[in-house]
Amino acid sequence: MLRWTITFIVLALIAGVLGFGGIAAGAAGIAKVLFFLFIILFVISLIRGKKM
């Protein structure tokens, strides 16, 4: 699950750079969604990692 969180944060950073750099206006919204998805997956992986 940690691989997925790393993948999502990389995608969020790329989308953020594209969106905030003016290349794609819609990428900023995608970056926000991916960022929050990363935060959720990160918290879940922390919780699951402590139980095991």
C-alpha atoms as a PDB file:
ATOM      1  CA  MET A   1       0.000   0.000   0.000  1.00  0.00           C
ATOM      2  CA  LEU A   2       2.971   2.278   0.559  1.00  0.00           C
ATOM      3  CA  ARG A   3       3.827   1.984  -3.154  1.00  0.00           C
ATOM      4  CA  TRP A   4       0.392   3.350  -4.038  1.00  0.00           C
ATOM      5  CA  THR A   5       0.809   6.318  -1.710  1.00  0.00           C
ATOM      6  CA  ILE A   6       4.179   7.146  -3.229  1.00  0.00           C
ATOM      7  CA  THR A   7       2.698   6.813  -6.724  1.00  0.00           C
ATOM      8  CA  PHE A   8      -0.170   9.140  -5.865  1.00  0.00           C
ATOM      9  CA  ILE A   9       2.073  11.785  -4.308  1.00  0.00           C
ATOM     10  CA  VAL A  10       4.309  11.788  -7.392  1.00  0.00           C
ATOM     11  CA  LEU A  11       1.254  12.161  -9.636  1.00  0.00           C
ATOM     12  CA  ALA A  12      -0.072  14.948  -7.416  1.00  0.00           C
ATOM     13  CA  LEU A  13       3.235  16.804  -7.572  1.00  0.00           C
ATOM     14  CA  ILE A  14       3.419  16.494 -11.367  1.00  0.00           C
ATOM     15  CA  ALA A  15      -0.174  17.656 -11.748  1.00  0.00           C
ATOM     16  CA  GLY A  16       0.524  20.526  -9.358  1.00  0.00           C
ATOM     17  CA  VAL A  17       3.556  21.693 -11.316  1.00  0.00           C
ATOM     18  CA  LEU A  18       1.589  21.555 -14.558  1.00  0.00           C
ATOM     19  CA  GLY A  19      -1.434  23.294 -13.098  1.00  0.00           C
ATOM     20  CA  PHE A  20       0.285  26.011 -11.130  1.00  0.00           C
ATOM     21  CA  GLY A  21       2.756  26.660 -13.940  1.00  0.00           C
ATOM     22  CA  GLY A  22      -0.053  27.633 -16.288  1.00  0.00           C
ATOM     23  CA  ILE A  23       0.369  24.677 -18.657  1.00  0.00           C
ATOM     24  CA  ALA A  24      -2.968  23.044 -17.841  1.00  0.00           C
ATOM     25  CA  ALA A  25      -5.699  24.784 -15.875  1.00  0.00           C
ATOM     26  CA  GLY A  26      -7.486  21.553 -14.948  1.00  0.00           C
ATOM     27  CA  ALA A  27      -4.361  19.953 -13.512  1.00  0.00           C
ATOM     28  CA  ALA A  28      -4.584  22.085 -10.358  1.00  0.00           C
ATOM     29  CA  GLY A  29      -7.926  20.488  -9.477  1.00  0.00           C
ATOM     30  CA  ILE A  30      -6.510  17.040 -10.175  1.00  0.00           C
ATOM     31  CA  ALA A  31      -3.527  17.832  -7.946  1.00  0.00           C
ATOM     32  CA  LYS A  32      -5.836  18.747  -5.069  1.00  0.00           C
ATOM     33  CA  VAL A  33      -7.792  15.506  -5.417  1.00  0.00           C
ATOM     34  CA  LEU A  34      -4.631  13.409  -5.649  1.00  0.00           C
ATOM     35  CA  PHE A  35      -3.085  15.206  -2.699  1.00  0.00           C
ATOM     36  CA  PHE A  36      -6.045  14.457  -0.431  1.00  0.00           C
ATOM     37  CA  LEU A  37      -6.141  10.885  -1.708  1.00  0.00           C
ATOM     38  CA  PHE A  38      -2.445  10.583  -0.817  1.00  0.00           C
ATOM     39  CA  ILE A  39      -3.079  11.918   2.682  1.00  0.00           C
ATOM     40  CA  ILE A  40      -5.895   9.398   3.229  1.00  0.00           C
ATOM     41  CA  LEU A  41      -3.809   6.478   1.952  1.00  0.00           C
ATOM     42  CA  PHE A  42      -0.822   7.603   4.023  1.00  0.00           C
ATOM     43  CA  VAL A  43      -2.886   7.671   7.216  1.00  0.00           C
ATOM     44  CA  ILE A  44      -4.349   4.255   6.427  1.00  0.00           C
ATOM     45  CA  SER A  45      -0.876   2.808   5.815  1.00  0.00           C
ATOM     46  CA  LEU A  46       0.355   4.269   9.121  1.00  0.00           C
ATOM     47  CA  ILE A  47      -2.558   2.741  11.015  1.00  0.00           C
ATOM     48  CA  ARG A  48      -2.186  -0.657   9.342  1.00  0.00           C
ATOM     49  CA  GLY A  49       1.577  -0.646   9.846  1.00  0.00           C
ATOM     50  CA  LYS A  50       1.283  -0.088  13.595  1.00  0.00           C
ATOM     51  CA  LYS A  51      -1.184  -2.950  14.049  1.00  0.00           C
ATOM     52  CA  MET A  52       1.070  -5.481  12.328  1.00  0.00           C
END
